[in-house]
C-alpha atoms as a PDB file:
ATOM      1  CA  MET A   1      17.224 -10.034  20.409  1.00  0.00           C
ATOM      2  CA  ASP A   2      18.092  -6.805  18.582  1.00  0.00           C
ATOM      3  CA  HIS A   3      15.997  -3.641  18.444  1.00  0.00           C
ATOM      4  CA  TYR A   4      14.486  -4.605  15.075  1.00  0.00           C
ATOM      5  CA  GLN A   5      13.153  -7.876  16.503  1.00  0.00           C
ATOM      6  CA  ARG A   6      11.909  -6.091  19.611  1.00  0.00           C
ATOM      7  CA  SER A   7      10.039  -3.544  17.513  1.00  0.00           C
ATOM      8  CA  ALA A   8       8.418  -6.289  15.427  1.00  0.00           C
ATOM      9  CA  ARG A   9       6.728  -7.641  18.569  1.00  0.00           C
ATOM     10  CA  ASN A  10       4.906  -4.362  19.181  1.00  0.00           C
ATOM     11  CA  THR A  11       1.286  -3.999  18.113  1.00  0.00           C
ATOM     12  CA  PHE A  12       0.875  -2.436  14.630  1.00  0.00           C
ATOM     13  CA  ALA A  13       4.592  -2.940  13.851  1.00  0.00           C
ATOM     14  CA  ALA A  14       4.452  -6.364  12.190  1.00  0.00           C
ATOM     15  CA  LEU A  15       2.999  -5.354   8.825  1.00  0.00           C
ATOM     16  CA  LEU A  16       4.630  -7.577   6.197  1.00  0.00           C
ATOM     17  CA  LEU A  17       3.748  -5.301   3.318  1.00  0.00           C
ATOM     18  CA  ASP A  18       5.929  -3.795   0.623  1.00  0.00           C
ATOM     19  CA  ARG A  19       4.737  -0.181   0.555  1.00  0.00           C
ATOM     20  CA  ALA A  20       6.019   0.072  -3.032  1.00  0.00           C
ATOM     21  CA  ALA A  21       6.329   3.844  -2.865  1.00  0.00           C
ATOM     22  CA  GLU A  22       7.887   3.898  -6.331  1.00  0.00           C
ATOM     23  CA  PHE A  23       4.440   3.114  -7.833  1.00  0.00           C
ATOM     24  CA  ARG A  24       2.487   5.885  -6.097  1.00  0.00           C
ATOM     25  CA  GLU A  25       3.036   8.269  -9.032  1.00  0.00           C
ATOM     26  CA  ASN A  26       2.675   5.591 -11.733  1.00  0.00           C
ATOM     27  CA  THR A  27      -0.821   6.323 -13.039  1.00  0.00           C
ATOM     28  CA  GLU A  28      -1.001   3.454 -15.528  1.00  0.00           C
ATOM     29  CA  TRP A  29       0.220   0.882 -13.005  1.00  0.00           C
ATOM     30  CA  LEU A  30      -2.283   2.110 -10.416  1.00  0.00           C
ATOM     31  CA  LYS A  31      -5.139   1.878 -12.907  1.00  0.00           C
ATOM     32  CA  ARG A  32      -4.240  -1.754 -13.624  1.00  0.00           C
ATOM     33  CA  GLN A  33      -4.163  -2.568  -9.927  1.00  0.00           C
ATOM     34  CA  LEU A  34      -7.474  -0.827  -9.252  1.00  0.00           C
ATOM     35  CA  SER A  35      -9.181  -2.924 -11.928  1.00  0.00           C
ATOM     36  CA  SER A  36      -7.459  -6.199 -11.031  1.00  0.00           C
ATOM     37  CA  LYS A  37      -9.565  -8.972  -9.504  1.00  0.00           C
ATOM     38  CA  GLN A  38      -6.635  -9.801  -7.237  1.00  0.00           C
ATOM     39  CA  THR A  39      -6.632  -6.386  -5.558  1.00  0.00           C
ATOM     40  CA  LYS A  40      -8.076  -6.017  -2.048  1.00  0.00           C
ATOM     41  CA  PHE A  41      -9.775  -2.892  -0.686  1.00  0.00           C
ATOM     42  CA  LEU A  42      -9.913  -2.159   3.031  1.00  0.00           C
ATOM     43  CA  ALA A  43     -13.068  -0.146   3.730  1.00  0.00           C
ATOM     44  CA  VAL A  44     -12.834   2.484   6.486  1.00  0.00           C
ATOM     45  CA  HIS A  45     -15.174   5.119   7.852  1.00  0.00           C
ATOM     46  CA  ARG A  46     -14.365   7.997  10.205  1.00  0.00           C
ATOM     47  CA  GLY A  47     -11.476   6.362  12.007  1.00  0.00           C
ATOM     48  CA  CYS A  48     -12.976   2.873  12.047  1.00  0.00           C
ATOM     49  CA  CYS A  49     -12.766  -0.211   9.869  1.00  0.00           C
ATOM     50  CA  LEU A  50     -15.522  -2.650   9.041  1.00  0.00           C
ATOM     51  CA  LEU A  51     -15.564  -6.066  10.614  1.00  0.00           C
ATOM     52  CA  SER A  52     -15.922  -8.971   8.213  1.00  0.00           C
ATOM     53  CA  PRO A  53     -19.437 -10.434   8.569  1.00  0.00           C
ATOM     54  CA  SER A  54     -18.048 -13.932   7.961  1.00  0.00           C
ATOM     55  CA  ASN A  55     -15.034 -13.756  10.282  1.00  0.00           C
ATOM     56  CA  PRO A  56     -15.056 -11.657  13.487  1.00  0.00           C
ATOM     57  CA  HIS A  57     -11.238 -11.728  13.572  1.00  0.00           C
ATOM     58  CA  GLN A  58     -10.699 -10.032  10.219  1.00  0.00           C
ATOM     59  CA  PRO A  59     -11.505  -6.655   8.683  1.00  0.00           C
ATOM     60  CA  LEU A  60     -13.699  -6.469   5.623  1.00  0.00           C
ATOM     61  CA  LEU A  61     -11.419  -6.758   2.574  1.00  0.00           C
ATOM     62  CA  LEU A  62     -13.352  -6.148  -0.632  1.00  0.00           C
ATOM     63  CA  GLU A  63     -12.612  -7.578  -4.046  1.00  0.00           C
ATOM     64  CA  GLY A  64     -13.471  -4.728  -6.367  1.00  0.00           C
ATOM     65  CA  ASN A  65     -13.343  -0.987  -5.904  1.00  0.00           C
ATOM     66  CA  PRO A  66     -16.400   0.251  -3.957  1.00  0.00           C
ATOM     67  CA  ASP A  67     -17.921   3.586  -4.947  1.00  0.00           C
ATOM     68  CA  ALA A  68     -16.781   6.316  -2.576  1.00  0.00           C
ATOM     69  CA  ASP A  69     -16.307  10.063  -2.445  1.00  0.00           C
ATOM     70  CA  GLN A  70     -12.524   9.893  -2.215  1.00  0.00           C
ATOM     71  CA  SER A  71      -9.838   8.231  -4.294  1.00  0.00           C
ATOM     72  CA  PRO A  72      -8.462   4.952  -2.907  1.00  0.00           C
ATOM     73  CA  VAL A  73      -5.211   5.084  -0.978  1.00  0.00           C
ATOM     74  CA  PHE A  74      -2.550   2.700  -2.229  1.00  0.00           C
ATOM     75  CA  LEU A  75      -1.119   0.817   0.748  1.00  0.00           C
ATOM     76  CA  GLY A  76       1.289  -1.591  -0.900  1.00  0.00           C
ATOM     77  CA  THR A  77       1.735  -5.122  -2.200  1.00  0.00           C
ATOM     78  CA  SER A  78       2.115  -8.568  -0.695  1.00  0.00           C
ATOM     79  CA  ASN A  79       2.563 -11.835  -2.600  1.00  0.00           C
ATOM     80  CA  SER A  80       1.834 -10.100  -5.926  1.00  0.00           C
ATOM     81  CA  GLN A  81      -1.425  -8.727  -4.530  1.00  0.00           C
ATOM     82  CA  SER A  82      -2.122  -5.010  -4.180  1.00  0.00           C
ATOM     83  CA  TYR A  83      -3.885  -3.431  -1.229  1.00  0.00           C
ATOM     84  CA  PHE A  84      -5.822  -0.171  -1.189  1.00  0.00           C
ATOM     85  CA  SER A  85      -8.020   1.496   1.392  1.00  0.00           C
ATOM     86  CA  ILE A  86     -11.122   3.550   0.757  1.00  0.00           C
ATOM     87  CA  GLU A  87     -13.033   6.019   2.935  1.00  0.00           C
ATOM     88  CA  LEU A  88     -16.748   5.252   2.740  1.00  0.00           C
ATOM     89  CA  PRO A  89     -19.240   8.139   2.924  1.00  0.00           C
ATOM     90  CA  ALA A  90     -21.872   8.036   5.660  1.00  0.00           C
ATOM     91  CA  GLN A  91     -24.666   6.988   3.300  1.00  0.00           C
ATOM     92  CA  HIS A  92     -22.754   4.138   1.661  1.00  0.00           C
ATOM     93  CA  GLN A  93     -24.724   0.914   1.486  1.00  0.00           C
ATOM     94  CA  LEU A  94     -21.811  -1.146   2.812  1.00  0.00           C
ATOM     95  CA  LEU A  95     -22.135   0.574   6.170  1.00  0.00           C
ATOM     96  CA  ASN A  96     -25.627  -0.899   6.431  1.00  0.00           C
ATOM     97  CA  ASP A  97     -24.947  -4.257   4.806  1.00  0.00           C
ATOM     98  CA  ALA A  98     -21.417  -5.240   5.800  1.00  0.00           C
ATOM     99  CA  GLY A  99     -21.743  -5.143   9.554  1.00  0.00           C
ATOM    100  CA  LYS A 100     -20.064  -3.635  12.552  1.00  0.00           C
ATOM    101  CA  LEU A 101     -17.649  -0.708  12.611  1.00  0.00           C
ATOM    102  CA  ILE A 102     -14.773  -1.119  15.066  1.00  0.00           C
ATOM    103  CA  ASN A 103     -12.096   1.311  16.148  1.00  0.00           C
ATOM    104  CA  LEU A 104      -8.375   0.672  16.022  1.00  0.00           C
ATOM    105  CA  ARG A 105      -8.036  -0.391  19.658  1.00  0.00           C
ATOM    106  CA  GLN A 106     -10.722  -3.003  19.109  1.00  0.00           C
ATOM    107  CA  ALA A 107      -9.022  -4.126  15.908  1.00  0.00           C
ATOM    108  CA  ALA A 108      -5.740  -4.581  17.764  1.00  0.00           C
ATOM    109  CA  SER A 109      -7.475  -6.954  20.170  1.00  0.00           C
ATOM    110  CA  LEU A 110      -9.360  -8.932  17.503  1.00  0.00           C
ATOM    111  CA  PHE A 111      -7.003  -9.163  14.525  1.00  0.00           C
ATOM    112  CA  ASP A 112      -3.641 -10.802  14.072  1.00  0.00           C
ATOM    113  CA  THR A 113      -0.616  -8.520  14.102  1.00  0.00           C
ATOM    114  CA  GLU A 114      -0.409  -8.116  10.328  1.00  0.00           C
ATOM    115  CA  LEU A 115      -4.078  -7.242   9.844  1.00  0.00           C
ATOM    116  CA  ALA A 116      -3.958  -4.870  12.815  1.00  0.00           C
ATOM    117  CA  GLY A 117      -0.939  -3.194  11.211  1.00  0.00           C
ATOM    118  CA  LEU A 118      -2.779  -2.875   7.902  1.00  0.00           C
ATOM    119  CA  CYS A 119      -5.720  -1.172   9.613  1.00  0.00           C
ATOM    120  CA  ALA A 120      -3.410   1.149  11.548  1.00  0.00           C
ATOM    121  CA  TYR A 121      -1.634   2.161   8.347  1.00  0.00           C
ATOM    122  CA  ALA A 122      -4.849   2.863   6.441  1.00  0.00           C
ATOM    123  CA  LEU A 123      -6.595   4.730   9.243  1.00  0.00           C
ATOM    124  CA  ALA A 124      -3.538   6.893   9.877  1.00  0.00           C
ATOM    125  CA  VAL A 125      -3.402   8.037   6.248  1.00  0.00           C
ATOM    126  CA  HIS A 126      -7.134   8.729   6.066  1.00  0.00           C
ATOM    127  CA  GLN A 127      -7.045  10.645   9.341  1.00  0.00           C
ATOM    128  CA  TRP A 128      -4.193  12.777   8.001  1.00  0.00           C
ATOM    129  CA  GLN A 129      -6.184  13.504   4.837  1.00  0.00           C
ATOM    130  CA  ALA A 130      -9.274  14.438   6.851  1.00  0.00           C
ATOM    131  CA  ASN A 131      -7.263  16.840   9.013  1.00  0.00           C
ATOM    132  CA  HIS A 132      -5.613  18.551   6.029  1.00  0.00           C
ATOM    133  CA  ARG A 133      -8.436  19.132   3.575  1.00  0.00           C
ATOM    134  CA  PHE A 134      -7.349  22.742   3.130  1.00  0.00           C
ATOM    135  CA  CYS A 135      -3.971  24.285   2.418  1.00  0.00           C
ATOM    136  CA  GLY A 136      -2.192  25.484   5.527  1.00  0.00           C
ATOM    137  CA  VAL A 137      -0.666  28.409   3.585  1.00  0.00           C
ATOM    138  CA  CYS A 138      -3.576  29.953   1.647  1.00  0.00           C
ATOM    139  CA  GLY A 139      -6.643  28.041   2.843  1.00  0.00           C
ATOM    140  CA  GLN A 140      -7.714  26.680  -0.551  1.00  0.00           C
ATOM    141  CA  PRO A 141      -8.819  23.008  -0.895  1.00  0.00           C
ATOM    142  CA  ASN A 142      -6.094  20.415  -1.213  1.00  0.00           C
ATOM    143  CA  LEU A 143      -5.883  17.884  -4.018  1.00  0.00           C
ATOM    144  CA  THR A 144      -4.941  14.251  -3.326  1.00  0.00           C
ATOM    145  CA  MET A 145      -1.762  13.137  -5.057  1.00  0.00           C
ATOM    146  CA  ALA A 146       0.629  10.161  -5.043  1.00  0.00           C
ATOM    147  CA  ALA A 147      -2.148   7.608  -4.490  1.00  0.00           C
ATOM    148  CA  GLY A 148      -3.180   9.333  -1.273  1.00  0.00           C
ATOM    149  CA  HIS A 149       0.266  10.002   0.208  1.00  0.00           C
ATOM    150  CA  ARG A 150       0.680  13.656  -0.787  1.00  0.00           C
ATOM    151  CA  LEU A 151      -1.623  16.672  -0.812  1.00  0.00           C
ATOM    152  CA  ARG A 152      -1.201  19.690  -3.092  1.00  0.00           C
ATOM    153  CA  CYS A 153      -2.946  23.026  -2.860  1.00  0.00           C
ATOM    154  CA  SER A 154      -5.468  23.497  -5.681  1.00  0.00           C
ATOM    155  CA  ALA A 155      -4.542  27.166  -6.106  1.00  0.00           C
ATOM    156  CA  SER A 156      -2.125  27.465  -9.027  1.00  0.00           C
ATOM    157  CA  ASP A 157      -0.346  30.435  -7.469  1.00  0.00           C
ATOM    158  CA  CYS A 158       0.318  28.424  -4.286  1.00  0.00           C
ATOM    159  CA  SER A 159       0.636  24.664  -5.008  1.00  0.00           C
ATOM    160  CA  HIS A 160       1.900  24.078  -1.472  1.00  0.00           C
ATOM    161  CA  GLN A 161       2.519  20.393  -0.798  1.00  0.00           C
ATOM    162  CA  THR A 162       1.704  18.541   2.416  1.00  0.00           C
ATOM    163  CA  PHE A 163       2.992  15.123   3.462  1.00  0.00           C
ATOM    164  CA  PRO A 164       1.927  12.858   6.329  1.00  0.00           C
ATOM    165  CA  ARG A 165       3.459  13.936   9.634  1.00  0.00           C
ATOM    166  CA  LEU A 166       4.200  11.967  12.775  1.00  0.00           C
ATOM    167  CA  ASP A 167       4.392  13.208  16.343  1.00  0.00           C
ATOM    168  CA  PRO A 168       7.394  11.503  17.987  1.00  0.00           C
ATOM    169  CA  ALA A 169       6.885  10.539  21.613  1.00  0.00           C
ATOM    170  CA  MET A 170       9.348   8.874  23.908  1.00  0.00           C
ATOM    171  CA  ILE A 171       8.401   6.257  26.516  1.00  0.00           C
ATOM    172  CA  VAL A 172      10.849   4.891  29.076  1.00  0.00           C
ATOM    173  CA  LEU A 173      11.110   2.245  31.757  1.00  0.00           C
ATOM    174  CA  VAL A 174      13.368   3.697  34.438  1.00  0.00           C
ATOM    175  CA  THR A 175      15.107   1.292  36.816  1.00  0.00           C
ATOM    176  CA  HIS A 176      17.165   1.598  39.993  1.00  0.00           C
ATOM    177  CA  GLN A 177      18.849  -1.509  41.346  1.00  0.00           C
ATOM    178  CA  ASP A 178      16.108  -4.191  41.352  1.00  0.00           C
ATOM    179  CA  LYS A 179      13.105  -1.855  40.966  1.00  0.00           C
ATOM    180  CA  CYS A 180      11.336  -0.060  38.136  1.00  0.00           C
ATOM    181  CA  LEU A 181       9.522   3.272  38.141  1.00  0.00           C
ATOM    182  CA  LEU A 182       5.838   3.365  37.202  1.00  0.00           C
ATOM    183  CA  GLY A 183       3.459   6.301  37.364  1.00  0.00           C
ATOM    184  CA  ARG A 184      -0.201   7.079  36.815  1.00  0.00           C
ATOM    185  CA  GLN A 185      -2.209  10.042  35.614  1.00  0.00           C
ATOM    186  CA  ALA A 186      -5.347  11.112  37.437  1.00  0.00           C
ATOM    187  CA  ASN A 187      -7.618  10.492  34.419  1.00  0.00           C
ATOM    188  CA  TRP A 188      -6.500   6.875  33.931  1.00  0.00           C
ATOM    189  CA  PRO A 189      -8.603   3.887  34.999  1.00  0.00           C
ATOM    190  CA  GLU A 190      -8.346   3.112  38.700  1.00  0.00           C
ATOM    191  CA  LYS A 191      -5.089   1.386  39.788  1.00  0.00           C
ATOM    192  CA  ARG A 192      -3.557   1.649  36.292  1.00  0.00           C
ATOM    193  CA  TYR A 193       0.198   2.375  36.220  1.00  0.00           C
ATOM    194  CA  SER A 194       2.534   2.614  33.257  1.00  0.00           C
ATOM    195  CA  CYS A 195       5.945   3.767  32.067  1.00  0.00           C
ATOM    196  CA  LEU A 196       6.664   7.476  31.830  1.00  0.00           C
ATOM    197  CA  ALA A 197       6.150   9.080  28.432  1.00  0.00           C
ATOM    198  CA  GLY A 198       5.918  12.398  26.646  1.00  0.00           C
ATOM    199  CA  PHE A 199       6.233  14.145  23.295  1.00  0.00           C
ATOM    200  CA  VAL A 200       9.569  15.174  21.862  1.00  0.00           C
ATOM    201  CA  GLU A 201       9.846  18.947  21.557  1.00  0.00           C
ATOM    202  CA  PRO A 202      11.251  20.933  18.591  1.00  0.00           C
ATOM    203  CA  ALA A 203      15.047  20.877  18.269  1.00  0.00           C
ATOM    204  CA  GLU A 204      15.321  18.224  20.989  1.00  0.00           C
ATOM    205  CA  SER A 205      17.136  14.906  20.748  1.00  0.00           C
ATOM    206  CA  LEU A 206      15.350  11.738  21.826  1.00  0.00           C
ATOM    207  CA  GLU A 207      17.750  11.264  24.720  1.00  0.00           C
ATOM    208  CA  ASP A 208      17.212  14.823  25.911  1.00  0.00           C
ATOM    209  CA  ALA A 209      13.456  14.239  25.764  1.00  0.00           C
ATOM    210  CA  VAL A 210      13.818  11.161  27.967  1.00  0.00           C
ATOM    211  CA  HIS A 211      15.825  13.084  30.566  1.00  0.00           C
ATOM    212  CA  ARG A 212      13.458  16.067  30.486  1.00  0.00           C
ATOM    213  CA  GLU A 213      10.196  14.136  30.712  1.00  0.00           C
ATOM    214  CA  VAL A 214      11.339  11.920  33.578  1.00  0.00           C
ATOM    215  CA  MET A 215      12.552  14.966  35.494  1.00  0.00           C
ATOM    216  CA  GLU A 216       9.328  16.895  34.804  1.00  0.00           C
ATOM    217  CA  GLU A 217       7.014  14.039  35.734  1.00  0.00           C
ATOM    218  CA  ALA A 218       8.840  12.339  38.599  1.00  0.00           C
ATOM    219  CA  GLY A 219      11.800  14.546  39.488  1.00  0.00           C
ATOM    220  CA  VAL A 220      14.191  11.640  38.873  1.00  0.00           C
ATOM    221  CA  SER A 221      17.611  12.250  37.331  1.00  0.00           C
ATOM    222  CA  LEU A 222      18.926   9.640  34.915  1.00  0.00           C
ATOM    223  CA  ASP A 223      22.268   8.037  34.311  1.00  0.00           C
ATOM    224  CA  LEU A 224      22.295   5.678  31.290  1.00  0.00           C
ATOM    225  CA  VAL A 225      19.669   5.787  28.533  1.00  0.00           C
ATOM    226  CA  HIS A 226      19.311   2.991  25.961  1.00  0.00           C
ATOM    227  CA  TYR A 227      17.033   2.616  22.946  1.00  0.00           C
ATOM    228  CA  HIS A 228      14.719  -0.405  23.141  1.00  0.00           C
ATOM    229  CA  SER A 229      12.202  -0.445  20.262  1.00  0.00           C
ATOM    230  CA  SER A 230       9.520   1.599  18.495  1.00  0.00           C
ATOM    231  CA  GLN A 231       5.806   1.316  17.880  1.00  0.00           C
ATOM    232  CA  PRO A 232       3.441   3.009  15.433  1.00  0.00           C
ATOM    233  CA  TRP A 233       0.758   4.676  17.547  1.00  0.00           C
ATOM    234  CA  PRO A 234      -1.824   6.218  15.192  1.00  0.00           C
ATOM    235  CA  PHE A 235      -4.013   7.800  17.883  1.00  0.00           C
ATOM    236  CA  PRO A 236      -4.015   9.764  15.690  1.00  0.00           C
ATOM    237  CA  ALA A 237      -0.434  10.236  14.430  1.00  0.00           C
ATOM    238  CA  SER A 238       2.294   9.317  16.895  1.00  0.00           C
ATOM    239  CA  ILE A 239       5.352   7.092  16.820  1.00  0.00           C
ATOM    240  CA  MET A 240       6.352   5.736  20.235  1.00  0.00           C
ATOM    241  CA  LEU A 241      10.108   5.507  20.769  1.00  0.00           C
ATOM    242  CA  GLY A 242      10.852   3.144  23.621  1.00  0.00           C
ATOM    243  CA  PHE A 243      13.839   3.432  25.941  1.00  0.00           C
ATOM    244  CA  THR A 244      15.204   1.961  29.138  1.00  0.00           C
ATOM    245  CA  ALA A 245      17.141   4.105  31.592  1.00  0.00           C
ATOM    246  CA  SER A 246      18.791   3.834  34.974  1.00  0.00           C
ATOM    247  CA  ALA A 247      18.263   6.441  37.679  1.00  0.00           C
ATOM    248  CA  SER A 248      21.252   8.146  39.251  1.00  0.00           C
ATOM    249  CA  ASN A 249      19.128   9.031  42.274  1.00  0.00           C
ATOM    250  CA  PRO A 250      15.854   7.246  43.207  1.00  0.00           C
ATOM    251  CA  ALA A 251      14.285  10.240  44.991  1.00  0.00           C
ATOM    252  CA  ILE A 252      10.858  11.071  43.511  1.00  0.00           C
ATOM    253  CA  THR A 253       9.236  14.488  43.269  1.00  0.00           C
ATOM    254  CA  ILE A 254       5.837  14.276  41.570  1.00  0.00           C
ATOM    255  CA  GLY A 255       5.251  16.865  38.838  1.00  0.00           C
ATOM    256  CA  GLU A 256       2.001  18.313  37.533  1.00  0.00           C
ATOM    257  CA  GLU A 257       1.315  15.547  34.988  1.00  0.00           C
ATOM    258  CA  LEU A 258       1.253  12.577  37.368  1.00  0.00           C
ATOM    259  CA  GLU A 259      -1.038  11.742  40.248  1.00  0.00           C
ATOM    260  CA  HIS A 260       1.414   9.225  41.708  1.00  0.00           C
ATOM    261  CA  ALA A 261       4.677   7.420  40.921  1.00  0.00           C
ATOM    262  CA  CYS A 262       6.681   4.844  42.853  1.00  0.00           C
ATOM    263  CA  TRP A 263       9.310   2.132  42.563  1.00  0.00           C
ATOM    264  CA  TRP A 264       8.266  -1.503  42.201  1.00  0.00           C
ATOM    265  CA  SER A 265      10.287  -4.699  42.511  1.00  0.00           C
ATOM    266  CA  ALA A 266       9.227  -7.753  40.517  1.00  0.00           C
ATOM    267  CA  ASP A 267       7.931  -9.415  43.693  1.00  0.00           C
ATOM    268  CA  GLU A 268       5.954  -6.308  44.602  1.00  0.00           C
ATOM    269  CA  ILE A 269       4.405  -6.200  41.133  1.00  0.00           C
ATOM    270  CA  GLN A 270       3.473  -9.875  41.367  1.00  0.00           C
ATOM    271  CA  ALA A 271       1.803  -9.409  44.763  1.00  0.00           C
ATOM    272  CA  ALA A 272       0.036  -6.174  43.844  1.00  0.00           C
ATOM    273  CA  VAL A 273      -1.314  -7.565  40.567  1.00  0.00           C
ATOM    274  CA  SER A 274      -2.532 -10.693  42.359  1.00  0.00           C
ATOM    275  CA  ASP A 275      -4.347  -8.582  44.961  1.00  0.00           C
ATOM    276  CA  ASP A 276      -5.707  -6.212  42.290  1.00  0.00           C
ATOM    277  CA  ARG A 277      -3.884  -3.267  43.820  1.00  0.00           C
ATOM    278  CA  LEU A 278      -1.979  -2.690  40.571  1.00  0.00           C
ATOM    279  CA  ARG A 279      -3.197  -2.828  36.996  1.00  0.00           C
ATOM    280  CA  LEU A 280      -0.520  -3.063  34.350  1.00  0.00           C
ATOM    281  CA  PRO A 281      -0.337  -1.310  30.958  1.00  0.00           C
ATOM    282  CA  TYR A 282      -2.449  -2.767  28.178  1.00  0.00           C
ATOM    283  CA  GLN A 283      -0.728  -5.481  26.170  1.00  0.00           C
ATOM    284  CA  LEU A 284      -1.196  -3.601  22.907  1.00  0.00           C
ATOM    285  CA  SER A 285       1.157  -0.853  24.142  1.00  0.00           C
ATOM    286  CA  ILE A 286       4.935  -0.661  23.986  1.00  0.00           C
ATOM    287  CA  SER A 287       4.781   0.116  27.711  1.00  0.00           C
ATOM    288  CA  TRP A 288       3.756  -3.496  28.268  1.00  0.00           C
ATOM    289  CA  GLN A 289       6.737  -4.779  26.274  1.00  0.00           C
ATOM    290  CA  LEU A 290       9.198  -2.575  28.156  1.00  0.00           C
ATOM    291  CA  LEU A 291       7.866  -3.828  31.462  1.00  0.00           C
ATOM    292  CA  ALA A 292       7.597  -7.432  30.258  1.00  0.00           C
ATOM    293  CA  ASP A 293      11.259  -7.540  29.175  1.00  0.00           C
ATOM    294  CA  TRP A 294      12.418  -6.135  32.513  1.00  0.00           C
ATOM    295  CA  TYR A 295      10.173  -8.525  34.461  1.00  0.00           C
ATOM    296  CA  HIS A 296      11.543 -11.495  32.531  1.00  0.00           C
ATOM    297  CA  GLN A 297      15.104 -10.382  33.234  1.00  0.00           C
ATOM    298  CA  GLN A 298      14.303 -10.176  36.936  1.00  0.00           C
ATOM    299  CA  THR A 299      12.332 -13.398  37.320  1.00  0.00           C
ATOM    300  CA  GLY A 300      12.786 -15.541  34.212  1.00  0.00           C
ATOM    301  CA  GLU A 301       8.983 -15.557  33.893  1.00  0.00           C
ATOM    302  CA  ALA A 302       6.559 -14.003  31.442  1.00  0.00           C
ATOM    303  CA  LEU A 303       4.621 -10.961  32.590  1.00  0.00           C
ATOM    304  CA  ASN A 304       1.396 -12.288  31.102  1.00  0.00           C
ATOM    305  CA  SER A 305       1.677 -15.349  33.353  1.00  0.00           C
ATOM    306  CA  LEU A 306       0.557 -13.235  36.304  1.00  0.00           C
ATOM    307  CA  LYS A 307      -2.946 -14.036  37.469  1.00  0.00           C
ATOM    308  CA  VAL A 308      -5.141 -10.991  37.117  1.00  0.00           C
ATOM    309  CA  SER A 309      -8.812 -10.190  37.685  1.00  0.00           C
ATOM    310  CA  HIS A 310      -8.952  -7.702  34.795  1.00  0.00           C
ATOM    311  CA  ALA A 311      -8.096  -7.647  31.126  1.00  0.00           C
ATOM    312  CA  HIS A 312      -4.532  -6.840  30.060  1.00  0.00           C
ATOM    313  CA  ARG A 313      -5.713  -5.674  26.657  1.00  0.00           C
END
């Protein structure tokens, strides 16, 4: 399995949608799509999407452009069908009639991978728009351009442009011989452990970020670092870059960010999970996939085959 296939397994990363960026500035084409009966509109509101009242495992996809305060965001095309998303104002009738609002974590648990990816994409763009309503240079209101994918300052003497930004974060499963390193933060749910992670800093390579974060959090020096896969993580605007690494020295010195960290063998994980002394990362996270691949290499078994008394998701 190559890194592309590994990434496609990660939650939010299996969106089979042609983003068709070449049409974002094509006003006439967009008008035709907005009026087409084949076009679908994903309704969102303040970081949530609406659950379909007829199917609890699907978001509400409308046929026909609902009235809203903001222009629809063009998401892309699939099988000759266009997809847009629309931010509904608080007083919109659909919020009363259509049913339940759910957040993105709930959507990831309820929807299939493609629909979860569609919701993640839409909510990320709308969150970016909401956080950049005003120009960062002169403070004047921004105008929405490029079917929702570009903002331009409304002041003619400024016209500063803003594009969606991502915060890159690395996450790594560190191993030494037959054990892996897992840590926990004090504010996490009880017994929850995960891979080590942190944001990439300015003018820093991904590999340097891996070395730095592991040293800062656990005091462990690394030898080899290998890229594994990536995962969109729009909470609100991150991209998780997954790595595996081997430790040159297993000695641990806990830093300020972690409450605890230790080495686990596959047998120790199996026993601790069975006894509810260890709770693994949620399955929607890339941390789960990193650990699951290592566990399978060690045992030949699937990580989700472990008997647990709590929810993986």
